[in-house]
Amino acid sequence: MTATEGLPKYERICKDNDIQALFDKGEGFSVYPFRVVFLFRHDESRPITVRLLVSVSKKRFHHAFKRNRVKRLVRETWRRNKAPLYEICERDNISLDVALVYTATVIHSYEEVFEKTRKAVNELIKKYVARQP
């Protein structure tokens, strides 16, 4: 599966079991305004994908329209920055699940979120390379 410009359904984490496994077994780090939780998988039964979960707290954004705005913003910046992760996953025949938990209390500009998403992707790449023998 190659990295497409879009963010299709199979690149999103939807099932409760997958979400639970990600938060139970995954590792994490912070890149403000995100808490990033990730899990590399060697699962032969599933296709090679980079899947995303975006979470925005109701505690921080009381109105649904603001939470939805943040989620749209994060998904768009992820879509534009995911290509390097796809290249690594295809090269090494692995899959990656990522949760981006938005921790800020304000909605940042597109440029700020784009840069922080790029930083998170680069940090994921560093974490993966550090794990290799």
C-alpha atoms as a PDB file:
ATOM      1  CA  MET A   1       0.000   0.000   0.000  1.00  0.00           C
ATOM      2  CA  THR A   2       1.529   3.295  -0.970  1.00  0.00           C
ATOM      3  CA  ALA A   3       1.053   6.580   0.793  1.00  0.00           C
ATOM      4  CA  THR A   4      -1.789   8.386  -0.856  1.00  0.00           C
ATOM      5  CA  GLU A   5      -2.475  12.075  -0.621  1.00  0.00           C
ATOM      6  CA  GLY A   6      -5.755  11.369   1.135  1.00  0.00           C
ATOM      7  CA  LEU A   7      -6.571   9.914   4.516  1.00  0.00           C
ATOM      8  CA  PRO A   8      -8.868   6.964   3.701  1.00  0.00           C
ATOM      9  CA  LYS A   9     -10.837   4.933   6.220  1.00  0.00           C
ATOM     10  CA  TYR A  10      -8.239   2.141   6.433  1.00  0.00           C
ATOM     11  CA  GLU A  11      -5.695   4.701   7.684  1.00  0.00           C
ATOM     12  CA  ARG A  12      -7.813   5.573  10.716  1.00  0.00           C
ATOM     13  CA  ILE A  13      -8.035   3.604  13.951  1.00  0.00           C
ATOM     14  CA  CYS A  14     -11.703   2.944  14.669  1.00  0.00           C
ATOM     15  CA  LYS A  15     -12.052  -0.327  16.562  1.00  0.00           C
ATOM     16  CA  ASP A  16     -12.099  -0.265  20.353  1.00  0.00           C
ATOM     17  CA  ASN A  17      -9.722  -3.247  20.530  1.00  0.00           C
ATOM     18  CA  ASP A  18      -7.145  -1.478  18.373  1.00  0.00           C
ATOM     19  CA  ILE A  19      -7.438   1.719  20.429  1.00  0.00           C
ATOM     20  CA  GLN A  20      -7.089  -0.204  23.685  1.00  0.00           C
ATOM     21  CA  ALA A  21      -4.025  -2.097  22.384  1.00  0.00           C
ATOM     22  CA  LEU A  22      -2.428   1.159  21.259  1.00  0.00           C
ATOM     23  CA  PHE A  23      -2.766   2.825  24.651  1.00  0.00           C
ATOM     24  CA  ASP A  24      -1.909  -0.347  26.628  1.00  0.00           C
ATOM     25  CA  LYS A  25       1.134  -1.549  24.664  1.00  0.00           C
ATOM     26  CA  GLY A  26       2.261   1.639  22.952  1.00  0.00           C
ATOM     27  CA  GLU A  27       5.007   4.075  23.854  1.00  0.00           C
ATOM     28  CA  GLY A  28       4.627   7.819  23.991  1.00  0.00           C
ATOM     29  CA  PHE A  29       6.242  11.222  23.973  1.00  0.00           C
ATOM     30  CA  SER A  30       5.125  14.847  23.902  1.00  0.00           C
ATOM     31  CA  VAL A  31       5.513  17.498  21.237  1.00  0.00           C
ATOM     32  CA  TYR A  32       3.395  20.445  22.300  1.00  0.00           C
ATOM     33  CA  PRO A  33       0.451  20.634  21.542  1.00  0.00           C
ATOM     34  CA  PHE A  34       0.369  16.824  21.142  1.00  0.00           C
ATOM     35  CA  ARG A  35       0.821  13.773  23.277  1.00  0.00           C
ATOM     36  CA  VAL A  36       1.927  11.135  20.761  1.00  0.00           C
ATOM     37  CA  VAL A  37       1.309   7.443  21.480  1.00  0.00           C
ATOM     38  CA  PHE A  38       2.620   4.948  18.944  1.00  0.00           C
ATOM     39  CA  LEU A  39       2.876   1.203  18.386  1.00  0.00           C
ATOM     40  CA  PHE A  40       4.928  -0.541  15.699  1.00  0.00           C
ATOM     41  CA  ARG A  41       3.395  -3.861  14.609  1.00  0.00           C
ATOM     42  CA  HIS A  42       4.726  -6.876  12.678  1.00  0.00           C
ATOM     43  CA  ASP A  43       1.367  -8.372  11.738  1.00  0.00           C
ATOM     44  CA  GLU A  44       1.435 -10.506   8.592  1.00  0.00           C
ATOM     45  CA  SER A  45      -2.371 -10.821   8.507  1.00  0.00           C
ATOM     46  CA  ARG A  46      -2.876  -7.055   8.037  1.00  0.00           C
ATOM     47  CA  PRO A  47      -1.677  -4.836   5.212  1.00  0.00           C
ATOM     48  CA  ILE A  48       1.173  -2.410   5.837  1.00  0.00           C
ATOM     49  CA  THR A  49      -0.382   0.861   6.925  1.00  0.00           C
ATOM     50  CA  VAL A  50       0.203   3.918   9.031  1.00  0.00           C
ATOM     51  CA  ARG A  51      -3.019   4.424  10.986  1.00  0.00           C
ATOM     52  CA  LEU A  52      -4.040   7.524  12.918  1.00  0.00           C
ATOM     53  CA  LEU A  53      -6.271   8.341  15.853  1.00  0.00           C
ATOM     54  CA  VAL A  54      -6.938  11.983  16.744  1.00  0.00           C
ATOM     55  CA  SER A  55      -8.266  12.775  20.198  1.00  0.00           C
ATOM     56  CA  VAL A  56      -9.405  16.153  21.505  1.00  0.00           C
ATOM     57  CA  SER A  57     -10.617  16.409  25.088  1.00  0.00           C
ATOM     58  CA  LYS A  58     -14.085  17.640  25.910  1.00  0.00           C
ATOM     59  CA  LYS A  59     -12.533  19.010  29.094  1.00  0.00           C
ATOM     60  CA  ARG A  60     -10.351  21.420  27.088  1.00  0.00           C
ATOM     61  CA  PHE A  61     -12.888  22.273  24.331  1.00  0.00           C
ATOM     62  CA  HIS A  62     -16.445  22.228  25.625  1.00  0.00           C
ATOM     63  CA  HIS A  63     -18.084  22.932  22.267  1.00  0.00           C
ATOM     64  CA  ALA A  64     -18.175  20.179  19.662  1.00  0.00           C
ATOM     65  CA  PHE A  65     -17.563  22.580  16.783  1.00  0.00           C
ATOM     66  CA  LYS A  66     -14.195  23.531  18.311  1.00  0.00           C
ATOM     67  CA  ARG A  67     -13.206  19.888  18.886  1.00  0.00           C
ATOM     68  CA  ASN A  68     -14.175  19.071  15.300  1.00  0.00           C
ATOM     69  CA  ARG A  69     -12.185  22.032  14.003  1.00  0.00           C
ATOM     70  CA  VAL A  70      -9.075  20.843  15.827  1.00  0.00           C
ATOM     71  CA  LYS A  71      -9.533  17.274  14.560  1.00  0.00           C
ATOM     72  CA  ARG A  72      -9.898  18.483  10.962  1.00  0.00           C
ATOM     73  CA  LEU A  73      -6.786  20.613  11.355  1.00  0.00           C
ATOM     74  CA  VAL A  74      -4.726  17.749  12.797  1.00  0.00           C
ATOM     75  CA  ARG A  75      -5.907  15.223  10.197  1.00  0.00           C
ATOM     76  CA  GLU A  76      -4.998  17.612   7.373  1.00  0.00           C
ATOM     77  CA  THR A  77      -1.507  18.298   8.716  1.00  0.00           C
ATOM     78  CA  TRP A  78      -0.960  14.560   9.286  1.00  0.00           C
ATOM     79  CA  ARG A  79      -2.078  13.808   5.733  1.00  0.00           C
ATOM     80  CA  ARG A  80       0.538  16.214   4.383  1.00  0.00           C
ATOM     81  CA  ASN A  81       3.362  14.895   6.637  1.00  0.00           C
ATOM     82  CA  LYS A  82       2.861  11.100   6.698  1.00  0.00           C
ATOM     83  CA  ALA A  83       4.905  10.137   3.597  1.00  0.00           C
ATOM     84  CA  PRO A  84       8.284   9.522   5.363  1.00  0.00           C
ATOM     85  CA  LEU A  85       6.604   7.140   7.809  1.00  0.00           C
ATOM     86  CA  TYR A  86       5.020   5.212   4.955  1.00  0.00           C
ATOM     87  CA  GLU A  87       8.416   4.824   3.265  1.00  0.00           C
ATOM     88  CA  ILE A  88       9.946   3.327   6.419  1.00  0.00           C
ATOM     89  CA  CYS A  89       6.989   1.010   7.021  1.00  0.00           C
ATOM     90  CA  GLU A  90       7.033  -0.301   3.461  1.00  0.00           C
ATOM     91  CA  ARG A  91      10.809  -0.746   3.479  1.00  0.00           C
ATOM     92  CA  ASP A  92      10.809  -2.731   6.750  1.00  0.00           C
ATOM     93  CA  ASN A  93       7.433  -4.469   6.269  1.00  0.00           C
ATOM     94  CA  ILE A  94       5.853  -3.124   9.463  1.00  0.00           C
ATOM     95  CA  SER A  95       2.719  -1.217  10.386  1.00  0.00           C
ATOM     96  CA  LEU A  96       2.390   1.773  12.667  1.00  0.00           C
ATOM     97  CA  ASP A  97      -0.503   2.975  14.800  1.00  0.00           C
ATOM     98  CA  VAL A  98      -0.321   6.570  16.040  1.00  0.00           C
ATOM     99  CA  ALA A  99      -2.578   8.505  18.407  1.00  0.00           C
ATOM    100  CA  LEU A 100      -2.264  12.281  18.433  1.00  0.00           C
ATOM    101  CA  VAL A 101      -3.880  13.605  21.600  1.00  0.00           C
ATOM    102  CA  TYR A 102      -4.301  17.374  21.384  1.00  0.00           C
ATOM    103  CA  THR A 103      -3.372  18.798  24.787  1.00  0.00           C
ATOM    104  CA  ALA A 104      -3.455  22.566  24.197  1.00  0.00           C
ATOM    105  CA  THR A 105      -6.345  24.690  25.421  1.00  0.00           C
ATOM    106  CA  VAL A 106      -6.406  26.984  22.368  1.00  0.00           C
ATOM    107  CA  ILE A 107      -6.713  26.287  18.665  1.00  0.00           C
ATOM    108  CA  HIS A 108      -3.330  26.984  17.089  1.00  0.00           C
ATOM    109  CA  SER A 109      -2.871  28.226  13.529  1.00  0.00           C
ATOM    110  CA  TYR A 110      -2.487  25.821  10.632  1.00  0.00           C
ATOM    111  CA  GLU A 111       1.201  26.697  10.270  1.00  0.00           C
ATOM    112  CA  GLU A 112       1.939  25.969  13.933  1.00  0.00           C
ATOM    113  CA  VAL A 113       0.083  22.650  13.891  1.00  0.00           C
ATOM    114  CA  PHE A 114       1.754  21.710  10.593  1.00  0.00           C
ATOM    115  CA  GLU A 115       5.232  22.323  12.040  1.00  0.00           C
ATOM    116  CA  LYS A 116       4.462  20.423  15.240  1.00  0.00           C
ATOM    117  CA  THR A 117       3.047  17.505  13.266  1.00  0.00           C
ATOM    118  CA  ARG A 118       6.212  17.435  11.149  1.00  0.00           C
ATOM    119  CA  LYS A 119       8.240  17.458  14.356  1.00  0.00           C
ATOM    120  CA  ALA A 120       6.185  14.550  15.731  1.00  0.00           C
ATOM    121  CA  VAL A 121       6.714  12.548  12.514  1.00  0.00           C
ATOM    122  CA  ASN A 122      10.474  13.167  12.673  1.00  0.00           C
ATOM    123  CA  GLU A 123      10.504  12.090  16.325  1.00  0.00           C
ATOM    124  CA  LEU A 124       8.628   8.876  15.400  1.00  0.00           C
ATOM    125  CA  ILE A 125      11.273   8.161  12.772  1.00  0.00           C
ATOM    126  CA  LYS A 126      14.044   8.731  15.339  1.00  0.00           C
ATOM    127  CA  LYS A 127      12.331   6.419  17.826  1.00  0.00           C
ATOM    128  CA  TYR A 128      12.023   3.694  15.185  1.00  0.00           C
ATOM    129  CA  VAL A 129      15.654   4.016  14.061  1.00  0.00           C
ATOM    130  CA  ALA A 130      16.831   3.897  17.695  1.00  0.00           C
ATOM    131  CA  ARG A 131      14.992   0.575  18.177  1.00  0.00           C
ATOM    132  CA  GLN A 132      16.814  -1.085  15.283  1.00  0.00           C
ATOM    133  CA  PRO A 133      19.804  -3.329  16.145  1.00  0.00           C
END
